[in-house]
Amino acid sequence: MDTVTSTNDVAKDKARSGARPGTLIVAEQQNAGRGRMGREWTSKPGNLYMSLLLRPQGTAGDVAQISFLAALALSDAIVLIAPDLKPQHKWPNDVLIEGAKLSGILLESSARVGGGVEWLVLGLGVNVAHHPTDAGQATTSLHALGATGDQGASNCTPQTLLAVLAPRLLYWLSEWQEHGFAPLRQAWLKRAKGLNGPIRVRVGKEEFTGTFRDLDGNGNLIVELPGGTMRSIAAGEIFLPQN
């Protein structure tokens, strides 16, 4: 597709019409892209904008773990397409390079009558050719980082990235479906930014500081508070030191 409101919107419409799991929507541009918490996602041509329709089994809490596998798949793809880059994961689903945000991941779903999830749309936007400069946080793109592909910068495109990313998404989806969250947790932590370091957490109107210690078996953030108590965070925003 050329231009859409957002690939998630198109995928959700298809989900409601009974489309099969695995339906993939890719667009060159979005005019109403969005990220977590309703934030606008800049969507000019040259970046990757995609949404994948899934019909996973499990509770809403279970399927939220798909955001971790999406981050894992993307960081794997980056290493494959640009081996010199060192992607890191920031909880819950950001992928950073050199401390700057490279991508956005957005899950949207519909509840099943009687419990569970009827369908889930995994939306993924990756800064390939450009990145916003007014996002209120450090951002970057693959081209800005020198990810040029084998034959120069023109060879690192949304299409070449998708060709590497799609198999990694299928791999981690299979791992999650067969083995649960444990292998995702282990792999995610290997690239976790700020592990065992200071962290500031915002949950609603509350803010506190501590030390980032772990993920639990559900993907919750485990923070050690100054007094030594461990606190589990299921949803919120985190802030890490810039260096």
Protein backbone atom coordinates (compact mmCIF):
# COMPACT_ATOMS: atom_id res chain seq x y z
CA MET A 1 0.00 0.00 0.00
CA ASP A 2 1.12 3.57 -0.59
CA THR A 3 -0.48 5.72 2.13
CA VAL A 4 -2.84 4.65 4.92
CA THR A 5 -4.07 6.20 8.13
CA SER A 6 -2.05 3.54 9.92
CA THR A 7 -1.20 -0.05 9.11
CA ASN A 8 -2.79 -1.03 12.44
CA ASP A 9 -6.09 0.51 11.35
CA VAL A 10 -6.07 -1.51 8.14
CA ALA A 11 -5.10 -4.71 9.95
CA LYS A 12 -7.86 -4.22 12.54
CA ASP A 13 -10.44 -3.76 9.80
CA LYS A 14 -9.27 -6.99 8.20
CA ALA A 15 -9.36 -8.77 11.58
CA ARG A 16 -12.98 -7.74 12.10
CA SER A 17 -13.77 -9.06 8.60
CA GLY A 18 -12.37 -12.48 9.48
CA ALA A 19 -8.93 -12.29 7.87
CA ARG A 20 -6.58 -15.15 8.62
CA PRO A 21 -3.71 -14.91 11.12
CA GLY A 22 -0.48 -14.01 9.39
CA THR A 23 -2.10 -11.27 7.28
CA LEU A 24 0.59 -8.60 6.84
CA ILE A 25 -0.01 -4.95 6.03
CA VAL A 26 2.92 -2.81 4.82
CA ALA A 27 2.67 0.84 3.77
CA GLU A 28 5.06 3.43 2.41
CA GLN A 29 3.56 6.21 4.52
CA GLN A 30 1.02 6.74 7.32
CA ASN A 31 -0.92 9.94 7.88
CA ALA A 32 -2.19 9.00 11.34
CA GLY A 33 0.53 6.77 12.78
CA ARG A 34 0.58 6.40 16.53
CA GLY A 35 2.65 4.84 19.27
CA ARG A 36 2.04 3.76 22.85
CA MET A 37 -0.27 5.90 24.98
CA GLY A 38 -1.71 7.58 21.87
CA ARG A 39 1.49 9.38 20.94
CA GLU A 40 1.91 10.46 17.33
CA TRP A 41 4.37 8.42 15.27
CA THR A 42 6.05 10.35 12.45
CA SER A 43 5.51 8.33 9.28
CA LYS A 44 7.23 9.80 6.23
CA PRO A 45 8.25 7.59 3.29
CA GLY A 46 11.53 5.73 3.63
CA ASN A 47 10.86 3.91 6.89
CA LEU A 48 9.23 0.55 7.56
CA TYR A 49 5.56 0.63 8.62
CA MET A 50 3.96 -2.77 9.09
CA SER A 51 1.24 -4.57 11.02
CA LEU A 52 0.81 -8.30 11.49
CA LEU A 53 -2.55 -9.87 12.32
CA LEU A 54 -2.43 -12.70 14.86
CA ARG A 55 -5.06 -14.81 16.58
CA PRO A 56 -3.08 -16.07 19.58
CA GLN A 57 -4.27 -18.33 22.36
CA GLY A 58 -4.08 -17.13 25.95
CA THR A 59 -5.15 -14.33 28.23
CA ALA A 60 -4.63 -10.64 27.53
CA GLY A 61 -1.63 -10.78 29.88
CA ASP A 62 -0.14 -13.69 27.96
CA VAL A 63 -0.46 -12.12 24.53
CA ALA A 64 1.08 -8.85 25.78
CA GLN A 65 4.34 -10.81 25.76
CA ILE A 66 4.27 -10.57 21.96
CA SER A 67 5.74 -7.08 22.31
CA PHE A 68 8.91 -8.65 23.72
CA LEU A 69 9.23 -11.08 20.82
CA ALA A 70 8.75 -8.21 18.37
CA ALA A 71 11.64 -6.33 19.99
CA LEU A 72 13.74 -9.50 19.91
CA ALA A 73 12.99 -10.11 16.24
CA LEU A 74 13.88 -6.54 15.34
CA SER A 75 17.14 -6.51 17.28
CA ASP A 76 18.08 -9.83 15.64
CA ALA A 77 17.30 -8.39 12.22
CA ILE A 78 19.41 -5.31 12.89
CA VAL A 79 22.41 -7.44 13.82
CA LEU A 80 21.94 -9.47 10.63
CA ILE A 81 21.57 -6.46 8.33
CA ALA A 82 24.18 -4.28 10.09
CA PRO A 83 26.55 -6.43 12.20
CA ASP A 84 28.45 -3.42 13.56
CA LEU A 85 25.38 -2.07 15.33
CA LYS A 86 24.55 -3.15 18.87
CA PRO A 87 20.81 -2.89 19.55
CA GLN A 88 19.54 -2.86 23.10
CA HIS A 89 16.11 -3.46 24.61
CA LYS A 90 14.37 -0.93 26.82
CA TRP A 91 11.37 -2.18 28.76
CA PRO A 92 8.74 -2.85 27.70
CA ASN A 93 9.29 -2.88 23.94
CA ASP A 94 11.69 -0.20 22.69
CA VAL A 95 14.76 -1.01 20.62
CA LEU A 96 17.60 1.44 21.12
CA ILE A 97 20.95 1.92 19.43
CA GLU A 98 23.55 4.10 21.14
CA GLY A 99 20.81 5.10 23.57
CA ALA A 100 18.49 6.46 20.88
CA LYS A 101 15.09 5.04 19.94
CA LEU A 102 14.95 3.29 16.58
CA SER A 103 11.44 1.87 16.52
CA GLY A 104 7.94 1.81 17.88
CA ILE A 105 5.88 -1.27 18.71
CA LEU A 106 2.13 -1.09 19.29
CA LEU A 107 -0.18 -3.98 20.17
CA GLU A 108 -3.93 -3.59 19.73
CA SER A 109 -6.42 -6.39 20.35
CA SER A 110 -10.04 -7.36 20.74
CA ALA A 111 -11.32 -9.44 23.64
CA ARG A 112 -13.01 -12.75 23.01
CA VAL A 113 -16.46 -13.35 24.48
CA GLY A 114 -15.89 -15.60 27.49
CA GLY A 115 -12.26 -14.58 27.91
CA GLY A 116 -9.06 -14.49 25.95
CA VAL A 117 -8.26 -12.54 22.80
CA GLU A 118 -10.17 -12.72 19.52
CA TRP A 119 -7.36 -11.14 17.53
CA LEU A 120 -4.22 -9.09 18.05
CA VAL A 121 -2.48 -6.66 15.72
CA LEU A 122 1.27 -6.21 16.10
CA GLY A 123 2.26 -2.84 14.69
CA LEU A 124 5.90 -2.05 14.07
CA GLY A 125 7.52 1.13 12.78
CA VAL A 126 11.27 1.25 12.20
CA ASN A 127 13.32 4.33 11.35
CA VAL A 128 15.27 3.25 8.28
CA ALA A 129 15.99 6.39 6.22
CA HIS A 130 15.10 9.13 8.70
CA HIS A 131 13.99 9.87 12.25
CA PRO A 132 12.11 12.68 14.00
CA THR A 133 14.12 15.43 15.65
CA ASP A 134 11.32 16.78 17.84
CA ALA A 135 10.19 13.59 19.59
CA GLY A 136 11.11 14.73 23.10
CA GLN A 137 13.67 11.93 23.35
CA ALA A 138 16.75 10.78 21.48
CA THR A 139 15.86 9.04 18.22
CA THR A 140 17.91 7.62 15.37
CA SER A 141 17.64 5.75 12.07
CA LEU A 142 19.56 2.94 10.42
CA HIS A 143 20.95 5.28 7.78
CA ALA A 144 22.04 7.81 10.40
CA LEU A 145 23.90 5.00 12.14
CA GLY A 146 25.68 4.00 8.94
CA ALA A 147 23.69 0.85 8.25
CA THR A 148 24.32 0.72 4.54
CA GLY A 149 23.72 -2.87 3.51
CA ASP A 150 26.16 -4.76 1.33
CA GLN A 151 26.01 -2.38 -1.63
CA GLY A 152 25.74 1.08 -0.10
CA ALA A 153 23.07 3.06 1.72
CA SER A 154 20.46 2.54 -0.99
CA ASN A 155 20.52 -1.19 -0.24
CA CYS A 156 19.30 -0.68 3.35
CA THR A 157 15.61 -0.15 2.67
CA PRO A 158 12.31 -0.98 4.34
CA GLN A 159 12.04 -3.93 1.95
CA THR A 160 15.46 -5.39 2.72
CA LEU A 161 14.85 -4.96 6.45
CA LEU A 162 11.46 -6.66 6.22
CA ALA A 163 13.01 -9.59 4.36
CA VAL A 164 15.30 -10.19 7.34
CA LEU A 165 12.78 -9.26 10.03
CA ALA A 166 9.92 -11.52 8.92
CA PRO A 167 11.77 -14.82 9.51
CA ARG A 168 12.88 -13.66 12.94
CA LEU A 169 9.28 -12.78 13.85
CA LEU A 170 8.18 -16.26 12.79
CA TYR A 171 11.00 -17.83 14.80
CA TRP A 172 10.19 -16.02 18.03
CA LEU A 173 6.45 -16.54 17.57
CA SER A 174 7.13 -20.26 17.29
CA GLU A 175 9.35 -20.21 20.39
CA TRP A 176 6.68 -18.38 22.37
CA GLN A 177 3.89 -20.68 21.23
CA GLU A 178 5.87 -23.85 21.98
CA HIS A 179 7.86 -22.88 25.08
CA GLY A 180 6.16 -19.85 26.59
CA PHE A 181 7.85 -16.70 27.77
CA ALA A 182 11.00 -18.26 29.28
CA PRO A 183 13.19 -18.29 26.13
CA LEU A 184 12.04 -14.77 25.21
CA ARG A 185 12.87 -13.49 28.68
CA GLN A 186 16.36 -14.98 28.58
CA ALA A 187 17.16 -13.58 25.14
CA TRP A 188 15.61 -10.18 25.88
CA LEU A 189 17.70 -9.75 29.04
CA LYS A 190 20.94 -10.40 27.13
CA ARG A 191 20.41 -7.10 25.31
CA ALA A 192 18.62 -5.25 28.12
CA LYS A 193 19.78 -1.66 28.53
CA GLY A 194 20.39 -0.60 32.12
CA LEU A 195 20.24 -4.03 33.75
CA ASN A 196 21.52 -3.79 37.34
CA GLY A 197 21.75 -0.03 37.00
CA PRO A 198 19.74 2.96 38.24
CA ILE A 199 16.25 3.48 36.89
CA ARG A 200 13.40 5.95 37.33
CA VAL A 201 9.89 4.57 36.96
CA ARG A 202 6.60 6.39 36.35
CA VAL A 203 3.38 4.53 37.10
CA GLY A 204 0.41 6.82 36.62
CA LYS A 205 1.14 9.89 38.75
CA GLU A 206 3.66 8.08 40.94
CA GLU A 207 7.40 8.24 40.29
CA PHE A 208 10.17 6.40 42.12
CA THR A 209 13.78 5.37 41.65
CA GLY A 210 15.57 2.10 42.18
CA THR A 211 17.75 -0.49 40.44
CA PHE A 212 16.63 -2.48 37.41
CA ARG A 213 17.13 -6.10 38.47
CA ASP A 214 15.15 -8.45 36.24
CA LEU A 215 12.05 -9.43 34.32
CA ASP A 216 9.69 -11.88 35.97
CA GLY A 217 8.08 -14.83 34.21
CA ASN A 218 5.28 -12.64 32.87
CA GLY A 219 7.45 -9.82 31.52
CA ASN A 220 6.93 -7.50 34.48
CA LEU A 221 9.84 -5.23 35.37
CA ILE A 222 11.54 -6.04 38.69
CA VAL A 223 12.96 -2.99 40.45
CA GLU A 224 14.92 -3.07 43.69
CA LEU A 225 13.91 -0.11 45.83
CA PRO A 226 16.49 1.77 47.94
CA GLY A 227 15.52 -0.21 51.06
CA GLY A 228 16.08 -3.53 49.30
CA THR A 229 12.43 -4.39 48.59
CA MET A 230 11.67 -5.79 45.14
CA ARG A 231 8.76 -4.22 43.27
CA SER A 232 7.06 -5.69 40.20
CA ILE A 233 5.84 -3.26 37.52
CA ALA A 234 3.30 -4.49 34.99
CA ALA A 235 2.81 -1.19 33.12
CA GLY A 236 4.49 2.18 33.20
CA GLU A 237 7.31 4.28 31.76
CA ILE A 238 10.97 4.00 32.62
CA PHE A 239 13.81 6.48 32.36
CA LEU A 240 17.45 5.42 32.19
CA PRO A 241 20.64 7.46 32.52
CA GLN A 242 21.74 8.96 29.21
CA ASN A 243 25.27 7.58 29.29
